[in-house]
Amino acid sequence: MEGSVHFVGLDIGGTTVKAALLNESGRQIGVGVEVRSHGSDGYKATFKQLRAAINQLCSDNSIESSNITAVGIDVPAPSSDGVIWGQANLNEDWVGTNIRDEFSKEIHRPCYMTNDGNAAAYGEWILRPGHDGPLLFVAPGTGLGGGFVLGKGQLYEGCNGLAMEIGAISVPFREEDGSLPECAGKGPGSLEAWVSLVALRRRLKIELDKSENFSHPLAQEQISIKEKAFQLRDYCEKEDPLARSLFQRQAHILGWAMGDQASELDPGLIVIGGGLAETGFRDWYLENVRLGFEERAPSFYVNSPIPPHGVTTRFDWAVGGDYAAAIGVAHKAMELV
């Protein structure tokens, strides 16, 4: 058994909880654990799953639960000082509850809590030991999450812990009829209305309703638009023109928006997470992100105007996989002791 001080990170999703165990030096011990979250059944049901994940980590690594010194939690909803401010995909009893303090009382350990975007951003920063500067993280998924880490590893959460709701920022792109697309809770013209799985569903339906796409295999299938959208990545892998056009526009708009973020934050490094990081077309996608970025960002955020004109904003894919957020909050828990 390695020492007597250990830390656990618990990444609560709408469907699963992913858990990671660290030793006192911050090194991950063993492999991560995944259990169902039961978030829609109420926070007490999820607490039971969190305890199960901790117990499984301890059992798998021959560690006594008494050696868990502190725990980090991240949640898939806006929160402030431990209190959930929005329901998202959770049960309504989460809203207004101080999840951090309630779980801390239940396990008799200090707890740290933030949202999932912040957790993943910090995890990505931690997993780059050679990088000491800022890191801007953005993750297209069902929605669009993000987070920002300042130089020297300071996670920026804002005054109320609500910073970096990247999906809510506005972009000027319109549908063919001139309308600004809307996304629940984000307002018309939001970035998430263009860069998310929800956005892909909308855009795919619009395209399949066009006569020139009536013969496309997805137009012929008698399945829901949600199921069709899930297949888009496979079609994009095969260089299907329709799928490529949808992902190309998404990537371009994401890059364009990151141009504005560079003007505000000057991050130097922008990391893209989410499932796209695992695709075979990710290099093509990232090149289209760069093109959108170069269209919007002032030129000195692309390259230095001074010879040798080095790159001033780099793009990279996430390296932490499914457990970046759990590792991130476990490291934040280390700061509690």
Protein backbone atom coordinates (compact mmCIF):
# COMPACT_ATOMS: atom_id res chain seq x y z
CA MET A 1 0.00 0.00 0.00
CA GLU A 2 1.31 3.44 -0.96
CA GLY A 3 1.41 5.76 2.05
CA SER A 4 -1.61 6.69 4.11
CA VAL A 5 -2.81 9.88 2.39
CA HIS A 6 -5.02 9.61 -0.69
CA PHE A 7 -7.48 11.80 -2.57
CA VAL A 8 -10.51 10.94 -4.66
CA GLY A 9 -12.04 12.80 -7.61
CA LEU A 10 -15.68 12.18 -8.51
CA ASP A 11 -16.94 13.36 -11.89
CA ILE A 12 -20.75 13.30 -11.76
CA GLY A 13 -22.42 13.06 -15.16
CA GLY A 14 -26.03 12.73 -16.14
CA THR A 15 -25.56 8.99 -16.64
CA THR A 16 -22.37 7.88 -14.90
CA VAL A 17 -19.91 8.82 -12.17
CA LYS A 18 -16.23 8.50 -13.04
CA ALA A 19 -13.84 8.25 -10.10
CA ALA A 20 -10.06 8.54 -9.81
CA LEU A 21 -7.68 7.93 -6.90
CA LEU A 22 -4.49 9.93 -6.28
CA ASN A 23 -1.66 9.45 -3.81
CA GLU A 24 -0.18 12.24 -1.71
CA SER A 25 2.11 13.34 -4.54
CA GLY A 26 -0.80 13.69 -6.98
CA ARG A 27 -0.06 10.55 -9.01
CA GLN A 28 -3.03 8.49 -10.11
CA ILE A 29 -3.21 5.09 -8.44
CA GLY A 30 -4.64 2.20 -10.42
CA VAL A 31 -7.36 2.74 -12.99
CA GLY A 32 -10.52 4.77 -12.76
CA VAL A 33 -13.89 3.41 -11.66
CA GLU A 34 -17.23 4.06 -13.37
CA VAL A 35 -20.68 3.59 -11.81
CA ARG A 36 -24.17 4.78 -12.64
CA SER A 37 -24.94 8.27 -11.32
CA HIS A 38 -28.73 8.11 -10.78
CA GLY A 39 -28.72 11.91 -10.88
CA SER A 40 -32.33 12.01 -12.04
CA ASP A 41 -33.36 10.03 -8.94
CA GLY A 42 -32.27 12.73 -6.51
CA TYR A 43 -28.97 13.74 -4.95
CA LYS A 44 -29.23 11.20 -2.12
CA ALA A 45 -29.39 8.39 -4.68
CA THR A 46 -26.26 9.83 -6.29
CA PHE A 47 -24.51 10.09 -2.90
CA LYS A 48 -24.99 6.34 -2.53
CA GLN A 49 -23.27 5.85 -5.89
CA LEU A 50 -20.44 8.21 -4.93
CA ARG A 51 -19.76 6.17 -1.81
CA ALA A 52 -19.86 2.99 -3.90
CA ALA A 53 -17.27 4.46 -6.28
CA ILE A 54 -14.98 5.43 -3.39
CA ASN A 55 -15.30 1.96 -1.87
CA GLN A 56 -14.54 0.34 -5.22
CA LEU A 57 -11.40 2.46 -5.66
CA CYS A 58 -10.22 1.51 -2.18
CA SER A 59 -10.96 -2.16 -2.71
CA ASP A 60 -9.27 -2.28 -6.12
CA ASN A 61 -6.11 -0.68 -4.73
CA SER A 62 -5.97 -2.31 -1.26
CA ILE A 63 -6.47 1.00 0.53
CA GLU A 64 -8.51 1.55 3.67
CA SER A 65 -11.29 4.11 3.25
CA SER A 66 -9.92 5.85 6.35
CA ASN A 67 -6.92 6.82 4.24
CA ILE A 68 -9.03 9.02 1.96
CA THR A 69 -8.11 12.50 3.18
CA ALA A 70 -10.28 14.72 0.96
CA VAL A 71 -12.63 14.40 -1.99
CA GLY A 72 -13.24 16.53 -5.08
CA ILE A 73 -16.60 16.59 -6.87
CA ASP A 74 -17.73 18.09 -10.14
CA VAL A 75 -21.33 18.47 -11.24
CA PRO A 76 -23.01 18.80 -14.67
CA ALA A 77 -24.83 21.99 -13.72
CA PRO A 78 -24.10 25.60 -12.74
CA SER A 79 -23.18 25.89 -9.07
CA SER A 80 -21.92 28.53 -6.67
CA ASP A 81 -20.05 27.83 -3.44
CA GLY A 82 -21.30 24.26 -3.38
CA VAL A 83 -24.95 25.12 -4.15
CA ILE A 84 -26.56 23.91 -7.39
CA TRP A 85 -28.12 26.81 -9.30
CA GLY A 86 -29.59 25.00 -12.29
CA GLN A 87 -31.27 21.63 -12.77
CA ALA A 88 -29.74 20.57 -16.12
CA ASN A 89 -30.20 16.76 -16.32
CA LEU A 90 -30.52 16.32 -12.56
CA ASN A 91 -33.50 15.84 -10.28
CA GLU A 92 -35.11 19.05 -9.05
CA ASP A 93 -34.02 18.35 -5.46
CA TRP A 94 -30.42 19.18 -6.42
CA VAL A 95 -31.33 22.83 -7.06
CA GLY A 96 -30.69 25.00 -4.02
CA THR A 97 -28.91 22.20 -2.15
CA ASN A 98 -25.34 22.62 -0.95
CA ILE A 99 -24.11 19.36 -2.45
CA ARG A 100 -20.54 19.97 -1.36
CA ASP A 101 -21.35 20.43 2.31
CA GLU A 102 -24.00 17.69 2.42
CA PHE A 103 -21.64 15.10 0.95
CA SER A 104 -18.80 16.31 3.17
CA LYS A 105 -20.99 15.69 6.24
CA GLU A 106 -21.95 12.27 4.94
CA ILE A 107 -18.38 11.03 4.41
CA HIS A 108 -16.76 13.09 7.20
CA ARG A 109 -14.14 14.46 4.83
CA PRO A 110 -13.50 17.93 3.37
CA CYS A 111 -14.88 18.29 -0.15
CA TYR A 112 -14.14 20.58 -3.05
CA MET A 113 -16.77 21.14 -5.76
CA THR A 114 -16.95 22.86 -9.14
CA ASN A 115 -18.70 22.27 -12.46
CA ASP A 116 -17.63 19.67 -14.99
CA GLY A 117 -16.11 22.13 -17.47
CA ASN A 118 -13.84 23.66 -14.84
CA ALA A 119 -12.87 20.21 -13.59
CA ALA A 120 -11.90 18.96 -17.04
CA ALA A 121 -9.96 22.15 -17.80
CA TYR A 122 -7.94 21.76 -14.61
CA GLY A 123 -7.40 18.07 -15.28
CA GLU A 124 -6.05 18.84 -18.75
CA TRP A 125 -3.69 21.42 -17.24
CA ILE A 126 -2.45 18.94 -14.63
CA LEU A 127 -1.88 16.27 -17.27
CA ARG A 128 0.51 18.58 -19.15
CA PRO A 129 3.46 18.75 -16.72
CA GLY A 130 5.58 20.61 -19.25
CA HIS A 131 3.02 23.40 -19.63
CA ASP A 132 3.01 26.18 -17.04
CA GLY A 133 1.01 28.84 -18.91
CA PRO A 134 -2.75 29.39 -19.30
CA LEU A 135 -5.07 26.82 -20.85
CA LEU A 136 -8.51 27.41 -22.35
CA PHE A 137 -10.63 24.26 -22.54
CA VAL A 138 -13.72 23.77 -24.68
CA ALA A 139 -15.66 20.52 -25.04
CA PRO A 140 -18.39 20.01 -27.64
CA GLY A 141 -20.78 17.31 -26.41
CA THR A 142 -24.53 17.20 -25.93
CA GLY A 143 -24.02 20.85 -25.02
CA LEU A 144 -20.85 22.94 -25.00
CA GLY A 145 -18.73 23.17 -21.86
CA GLY A 146 -15.50 24.92 -21.07
CA GLY A 147 -13.09 26.19 -18.46
CA PHE A 148 -10.03 28.37 -18.09
CA VAL A 149 -6.84 27.86 -16.11
CA LEU A 150 -4.53 30.80 -15.56
CA GLY A 151 -0.76 30.47 -15.62
CA LYS A 152 0.80 28.55 -12.72
CA GLY A 153 -2.33 26.41 -12.48
CA GLN A 154 -4.88 28.80 -10.99
CA LEU A 155 -8.39 27.70 -12.00
CA TYR A 156 -10.49 30.72 -12.93
CA GLU A 157 -14.05 30.28 -11.65
CA GLY A 158 -15.21 33.91 -11.44
CA CYS A 159 -16.86 35.76 -8.58
CA ASN A 160 -19.74 33.30 -8.18
CA GLY A 161 -18.12 30.17 -9.56
CA LEU A 162 -20.03 30.63 -12.81
CA ALA A 163 -17.29 31.74 -15.20
CA MET A 164 -16.65 30.26 -18.62
CA GLU A 165 -20.16 29.34 -19.73
CA ILE A 166 -18.69 29.28 -23.22
CA GLY A 167 -21.84 27.89 -24.81
CA ALA A 168 -23.72 31.09 -23.93
CA ILE A 169 -21.48 33.51 -25.83
CA SER A 170 -23.00 35.03 -28.98
CA VAL A 171 -21.88 34.42 -32.55
CA PRO A 172 -23.33 36.21 -35.60
CA PHE A 173 -24.09 33.15 -37.72
CA ARG A 174 -27.63 32.71 -39.01
CA GLU A 175 -29.73 30.01 -40.60
CA GLU A 176 -30.52 30.28 -44.30
CA ASP A 177 -33.82 32.03 -43.51
CA GLY A 178 -31.94 34.72 -41.59
CA SER A 179 -32.95 33.53 -38.11
CA LEU A 180 -30.64 33.14 -35.15
CA PRO A 181 -30.83 29.58 -33.81
CA GLU A 182 -31.80 29.18 -30.18
CA CYS A 183 -30.56 26.83 -27.51
CA ALA A 184 -32.37 26.21 -24.21
CA GLY A 185 -31.09 28.55 -21.52
CA LYS A 186 -28.51 30.20 -23.78
CA GLY A 187 -30.51 32.67 -25.84
CA PRO A 188 -30.65 33.25 -29.62
CA GLY A 189 -27.39 33.13 -31.53
CA SER A 190 -25.44 31.29 -28.85
CA LEU A 191 -22.31 29.31 -29.67
CA GLU A 192 -23.90 26.17 -28.24
CA ALA A 193 -26.70 26.52 -30.81
CA TRP A 194 -24.03 25.81 -33.44
CA VAL A 195 -21.44 23.68 -31.65
CA SER A 196 -23.09 20.76 -29.83
CA LEU A 197 -24.86 17.50 -30.50
CA VAL A 198 -28.16 19.32 -30.04
CA ALA A 199 -27.10 21.74 -32.76
CA LEU A 200 -26.13 18.89 -35.07
CA ARG A 201 -29.59 17.39 -34.69
CA ARG A 202 -31.19 20.66 -35.75
CA ARG A 203 -28.82 21.23 -38.64
CA LEU A 204 -29.10 17.62 -39.85
CA LYS A 205 -32.91 17.81 -39.93
CA ILE A 206 -32.75 21.04 -41.94
CA GLU A 207 -30.39 19.45 -44.47
CA LEU A 208 -32.32 16.17 -44.77
CA ASP A 209 -35.50 18.13 -45.53
CA LYS A 210 -33.84 19.55 -48.66
CA SER A 211 -34.70 17.81 -51.93
CA GLU A 212 -31.05 17.32 -52.87
CA ASN A 213 -30.61 15.14 -49.78
CA PHE A 214 -33.74 12.97 -50.12
CA SER A 215 -31.61 10.09 -51.39
CA HIS A 216 -29.08 10.24 -48.56
CA PRO A 217 -29.06 7.03 -46.47
CA LEU A 218 -29.92 8.98 -43.34
CA ALA A 219 -32.99 10.44 -45.04
CA GLN A 220 -34.13 6.93 -45.91
CA GLU A 221 -33.77 5.45 -42.43
CA GLN A 222 -36.91 5.25 -40.30
CA ILE A 223 -35.27 6.30 -37.04
CA SER A 224 -35.37 9.43 -34.90
CA ILE A 225 -33.29 12.51 -35.67
CA LYS A 226 -31.40 11.86 -32.43
CA GLU A 227 -30.32 8.44 -33.68
CA LYS A 228 -29.42 9.86 -37.08
CA ALA A 229 -27.25 12.56 -35.49
CA PHE A 230 -25.37 9.90 -33.52
CA GLN A 231 -24.43 8.28 -36.83
CA LEU A 232 -22.97 11.46 -38.29
CA ARG A 233 -19.47 10.78 -36.97
CA ASP A 234 -19.39 7.44 -38.75
CA TYR A 235 -20.45 9.11 -41.98
CA CYS A 236 -17.84 11.83 -41.48
CA GLU A 237 -15.16 9.15 -41.01
CA LYS A 238 -16.16 7.88 -44.47
CA GLU A 239 -15.90 11.42 -45.89
CA ASP A 240 -19.61 11.61 -46.62
CA PRO A 241 -20.17 15.11 -48.16
CA LEU A 242 -23.22 15.93 -46.03
CA ALA A 243 -21.59 14.90 -42.75
CA ARG A 244 -18.38 16.69 -43.68
CA SER A 245 -20.25 19.92 -44.46
CA LEU A 246 -22.03 19.86 -41.09
CA PHE A 247 -18.88 19.22 -39.08
CA GLN A 248 -16.89 21.70 -41.16
CA ARG A 249 -19.32 24.49 -40.35
CA GLN A 250 -19.35 23.52 -36.69
CA ALA A 251 -15.54 23.56 -36.55
CA HIS A 252 -15.35 26.90 -38.37
CA ILE A 253 -17.81 28.57 -35.99
CA LEU A 254 -16.02 27.12 -32.96
CA GLY A 255 -12.71 28.49 -34.23
CA TRP A 256 -14.31 31.87 -34.99
CA ALA A 257 -15.61 32.08 -31.41
CA MET A 258 -12.20 31.11 -30.03
CA GLY A 259 -10.84 34.13 -31.89
CA ASP A 260 -12.95 36.32 -29.61
CA GLN A 261 -11.85 34.32 -26.58
CA ALA A 262 -8.21 34.87 -27.54
CA SER A 263 -8.83 38.63 -27.66
CA GLU A 264 -10.23 38.50 -24.13
CA LEU A 265 -8.00 35.91 -22.47
CA ASP A 266 -4.84 35.47 -24.59
CA PRO A 267 -4.68 31.81 -23.48
CA GLY A 268 -1.81 30.68 -25.69
CA LEU A 269 -3.18 27.12 -25.63
CA ILE A 270 -6.74 26.08 -26.53
CA VAL A 271 -7.60 22.44 -25.82
CA ILE A 272 -10.61 20.75 -27.42
CA GLY A 273 -12.19 17.88 -25.51
CA GLY A 274 -15.30 15.76 -25.88
CA GLY A 275 -15.85 12.76 -28.11
CA LEU A 276 -14.40 14.46 -31.20
CA ALA A 277 -10.94 13.94 -29.70
CA GLU A 278 -11.37 10.20 -30.35
CA THR A 279 -12.42 10.43 -34.02
CA GLY A 280 -10.36 9.56 -37.06
CA PHE A 281 -11.20 12.89 -38.68
CA ARG A 282 -9.98 15.00 -35.77
CA ASP A 283 -6.97 16.45 -37.64
CA TRP A 284 -9.26 17.62 -40.45
CA TYR A 285 -11.68 19.04 -37.88
CA LEU A 286 -8.92 20.88 -36.02
CA GLU A 287 -7.63 22.40 -39.24
CA ASN A 288 -11.09 23.86 -39.85
CA VAL A 289 -11.13 25.20 -36.29
CA ARG A 290 -7.82 26.94 -37.01
CA LEU A 291 -9.20 28.44 -40.23
CA GLY A 292 -12.18 29.87 -38.35
CA PHE A 293 -9.86 31.18 -35.67
CA GLU A 294 -7.60 32.89 -38.21
CA GLU A 295 -10.63 34.52 -39.85
CA ARG A 296 -11.71 36.17 -36.60
CA ALA A 297 -8.68 36.63 -34.35
CA PRO A 298 -6.35 39.62 -34.76
CA SER A 299 -3.26 38.36 -36.55
CA PHE A 300 -0.97 38.68 -33.52
CA TYR A 301 -3.04 36.00 -31.74
CA VAL A 302 -2.10 33.68 -34.61
CA ASN A 303 1.58 34.51 -35.05
CA SER A 304 3.98 36.99 -33.54
CA PRO A 305 4.58 40.04 -35.79
CA ILE A 306 8.22 39.91 -34.74
CA PRO A 307 10.61 37.45 -36.46
CA PRO A 308 10.70 34.48 -36.33
CA HIS A 309 6.90 34.92 -36.22
CA GLY A 310 6.21 32.11 -33.78
CA VAL A 311 2.74 30.72 -33.17
CA THR A 312 1.01 32.67 -30.38
CA THR A 313 -2.10 30.51 -29.94
CA ARG A 314 -1.78 26.74 -30.19
CA PHE A 315 -4.62 24.25 -30.52
CA ASP A 316 -4.47 20.76 -29.12
CA TRP A 317 -6.75 17.83 -28.42
CA ALA A 318 -7.55 16.76 -24.88
CA VAL A 319 -5.23 14.08 -23.49
CA GLY A 320 -7.08 13.11 -20.30
CA GLY A 321 -9.80 11.00 -21.87
CA ASP A 322 -12.82 10.14 -19.75
CA TYR A 323 -11.09 10.77 -16.43
CA ALA A 324 -9.64 14.27 -16.89
CA ALA A 325 -12.38 15.90 -14.79
CA ALA A 326 -12.06 13.34 -11.96
CA ILE A 327 -8.30 13.84 -11.89
CA GLY A 328 -8.79 17.60 -11.94
CA VAL A 329 -11.09 17.73 -8.90
CA ALA A 330 -8.95 15.20 -7.03
CA HIS A 331 -6.01 17.58 -7.43
CA LYS A 332 -8.17 20.48 -6.22
CA ALA A 333 -9.10 18.39 -3.17
CA MET A 334 -5.39 18.17 -2.35
CA GLU A 335 -5.46 21.93 -1.72
CA LEU A 336 -7.90 21.44 1.16
CA VAL A 337 -5.31 19.87 3.48
